[in-house]
C-alpha atoms as a PDB file:
ATOM      1  CA  MET A   1     -11.149   2.105  10.781  1.00  0.00           C
ATOM      2  CA  PHE A   2     -13.056   1.582   7.367  1.00  0.00           C
ATOM      3  CA  MET A   3     -10.291  -0.237   5.501  1.00  0.00           C
ATOM      4  CA  ARG A   4     -11.643  -2.152   1.923  1.00  0.00           C
ATOM      5  CA  THR A   5      -9.167  -3.760  -1.523  1.00  0.00           C
ATOM      6  CA  LYS A   6      -9.532  -2.674  -5.070  1.00  0.00           C
ATOM      7  CA  THR A   7      -8.067  -5.129  -6.952  1.00  0.00           C
ATOM      8  CA  ARG A   8      -7.233  -4.311 -10.668  1.00  0.00           C
ATOM      9  CA  THR A   9      -5.435  -5.630 -13.153  1.00  0.00           C
ATOM     10  CA  VAL A  10      -2.221  -4.514 -15.530  1.00  0.00           C
ATOM     11  CA  HIS A  11      -0.999  -5.260 -19.123  1.00  0.00           C
ATOM     12  CA  PHE A  12       3.043  -4.847 -19.585  1.00  0.00           C
ATOM     13  CA  ASP A  13       3.900  -5.206 -23.344  1.00  0.00           C
ATOM     14  CA  ALA A  14       7.101  -5.256 -22.647  1.00  0.00           C
ATOM     15  CA  PRO A  15      10.544  -6.105 -19.531  1.00  0.00           C
ATOM     16  CA  PHE A  16       9.774  -3.613 -16.880  1.00  0.00           C
ATOM     17  CA  THR A  17      11.606  -2.700 -13.176  1.00  0.00           C
ATOM     18  CA  LEU A  18       9.535  -0.954 -10.329  1.00  0.00           C
ATOM     19  CA  LYS A  19      11.546  -0.054  -7.610  1.00  0.00           C
ATOM     20  CA  GLY A  20      10.451  -2.826  -4.571  1.00  0.00           C
ATOM     21  CA  LEU A  21      11.335  -5.006  -6.643  1.00  0.00           C
ATOM     22  CA  GLU A  22      14.264  -7.215  -7.608  1.00  0.00           C
ATOM     23  CA  GLY A  23      15.263  -6.955 -11.235  1.00  0.00           C
ATOM     24  CA  GLN A  24      13.589  -7.230 -14.166  1.00  0.00           C
ATOM     25  CA  GLN A  25       9.991  -8.515 -14.267  1.00  0.00           C
ATOM     26  CA  GLN A  26       8.291 -10.603 -17.312  1.00  0.00           C
ATOM     27  CA  PRO A  27       5.694  -9.535 -19.745  1.00  0.00           C
ATOM     28  CA  GLY A  28       2.441 -10.375 -19.016  1.00  0.00           C
ATOM     29  CA  ASP A  29      -1.070  -9.415 -16.164  1.00  0.00           C
ATOM     30  CA  TYR A  30       0.087  -8.610 -12.476  1.00  0.00           C
ATOM     31  CA  GLN A  31      -2.623  -7.373 -10.782  1.00  0.00           C
ATOM     32  CA  ILE A  32      -2.371  -4.677  -8.451  1.00  0.00           C
ATOM     33  CA  GLN A  33      -4.655  -4.651  -5.085  1.00  0.00           C
ATOM     34  CA  ASP A  34      -5.108  -1.010  -4.009  1.00  0.00           C
ATOM     35  CA  ASP A  35      -5.924  -0.884   0.478  1.00  0.00           C
ATOM     36  CA  GLU A  36      -8.085   2.774   1.122  1.00  0.00           C
ATOM     37  CA  GLU A  37      -8.952   3.351   4.778  1.00  0.00           C
ATOM     38  CA  GLN A  38     -11.632   5.785   5.443  1.00  0.00           C
ATOM     39  CA  ILE A  39     -11.752   9.195   6.196  1.00  0.00           C
ATOM     40  CA  THR A  40     -13.484  10.027   8.480  1.00  0.00           C
ATOM     41  CA  GLY A  41     -15.594  12.847   9.955  1.00  0.00           C
ATOM     42  CA  LEU A  42     -17.058  14.151   5.867  1.00  0.00           C
ATOM     43  CA  SER A  43     -19.856  14.637   5.814  1.00  0.00           C
ATOM     44  CA  TRP A  44     -19.433  12.578   2.646  1.00  0.00           C
ATOM     45  CA  LEU A  45     -17.973   9.019   1.849  1.00  0.00           C
ATOM     46  CA  ALA A  46     -14.239   9.271   0.861  1.00  0.00           C
ATOM     47  CA  TYR A  47     -11.570   7.056   1.257  1.00  0.00           C
ATOM     48  CA  ARG A  48      -7.825   7.744   0.266  1.00  0.00           C
ATOM     49  CA  ARG A  49      -5.421   5.035  -0.437  1.00  0.00           C
ATOM     50  CA  VAL A  50      -2.926   3.933   1.708  1.00  0.00           C
ATOM     51  CA  ALA A  51      -1.222   1.245  -0.227  1.00  0.00           C
ATOM     52  CA  THR A  52      -0.728  -0.020  -3.072  1.00  0.00           C
ATOM     53  CA  LEU A  53       0.381  -3.694  -4.435  1.00  0.00           C
ATOM     54  CA  ILE A  54       1.923  -5.401  -6.788  1.00  0.00           C
ATOM     55  CA  GLU A  55       2.020  -9.184  -6.813  1.00  0.00           C
ATOM     56  CA  VAL A  56       4.012 -11.016  -8.719  1.00  0.00           C
ATOM     57  CA  VAL A  57       4.820 -14.902  -9.660  1.00  0.00           C
ATOM     58  CA  ALA A  58       7.453 -17.007  -9.373  1.00  0.00           C
ATOM     59  CA  GLY A  59       7.301 -20.753 -10.430  1.00  0.00           C
ATOM     60  CA  LYS A  60       4.719 -22.377  -8.243  1.00  0.00           C
ATOM     61  CA  LYS A  61       5.234 -19.085  -5.373  1.00  0.00           C
ATOM     62  CA  THR A  62       3.627 -15.673  -5.788  1.00  0.00           C
ATOM     63  CA  SER A  63       4.057 -13.107  -3.438  1.00  0.00           C
ATOM     64  CA  LEU A  64       2.609  -9.259  -3.032  1.00  0.00           C
ATOM     65  CA  PHE A  65       5.582  -6.225  -2.755  1.00  0.00           C
ATOM     66  CA  ASP A  66       4.503  -2.606  -1.841  1.00  0.00           C
ATOM     67  CA  ILE A  67       5.103  -0.295  -4.664  1.00  0.00           C
ATOM     68  CA  ASP A  68       4.451   3.594  -5.732  1.00  0.00           C
ATOM     69  CA  PRO A  69       1.764   4.131  -7.030  1.00  0.00           C
ATOM     70  CA  SER A  70       3.402   6.764  -8.743  1.00  0.00           C
ATOM     71  CA  ASP A  71       5.893   4.486 -10.311  1.00  0.00           C
ATOM     72  CA  LEU A  72       3.394   1.767 -11.082  1.00  0.00           C
ATOM     73  CA  GLU A  73       2.057   4.228 -13.613  1.00  0.00           C
ATOM     74  CA  THR A  74       5.319   5.149 -15.113  1.00  0.00           C
ATOM     75  CA  ALA A  75       6.274   2.639 -15.967  1.00  0.00           C
ATOM     76  CA  LEU A  76       3.011   2.099 -17.529  1.00  0.00           C
ATOM     77  CA  GLU A  77       3.045   4.770 -20.078  1.00  0.00           C
ATOM     78  CA  ASN A  78       6.811   3.858 -20.420  1.00  0.00           C
ATOM     79  CA  ASP A  79       5.691   0.629 -21.861  1.00  0.00           C
ATOM     80  CA  ARG A  80       2.694   1.896 -23.478  1.00  0.00           C
ATOM     81  CA  ALA A  81       5.735   4.458 -25.130  1.00  0.00           C
ATOM     82  CA  LEU A  82       7.556   1.776 -26.325  1.00  0.00           C
ATOM     83  CA  SER A  83       3.723  -0.929 -27.828  1.00  0.00           C
ATOM     84  CA  ALA A  84       3.225   2.394 -30.228  1.00  0.00           C
ATOM     85  CA  LYS A  85       7.082   2.749 -31.055  1.00  0.00           C
ATOM     86  CA  GLY A  86       7.165  -1.410 -31.848  1.00  0.00           C
ATOM     87  CA  ASN A  87       3.380  -0.082 -34.374  1.00  0.00           C
END
C-alpha cells in the first residue's frame, strides 16, 4: 500500500486546546502532518487520510501528537472568530 504525508502550517492567534494534547497550547505556528494511503481498485488515483498529527515544541523537545482533524478545524474556526472580535 502506497502512503504519502502532506505537511502544512496552521496559525493560532490565541491560546488553544485540542483533544490529544495536554493543557493549553501557546499561540503561534504549528506543523500539521496528514498521512494518507492510496485507495486501490479504483480507475483513478485517490487517497484517504489515515492520521493527522500536530508537531508541538516544548523547550528543545519536539513531539508529534495524533489529533482528530475535525477538532483541529473547530479550534482554528474558534481562533478566527476570536481574532475577528478583537479587530
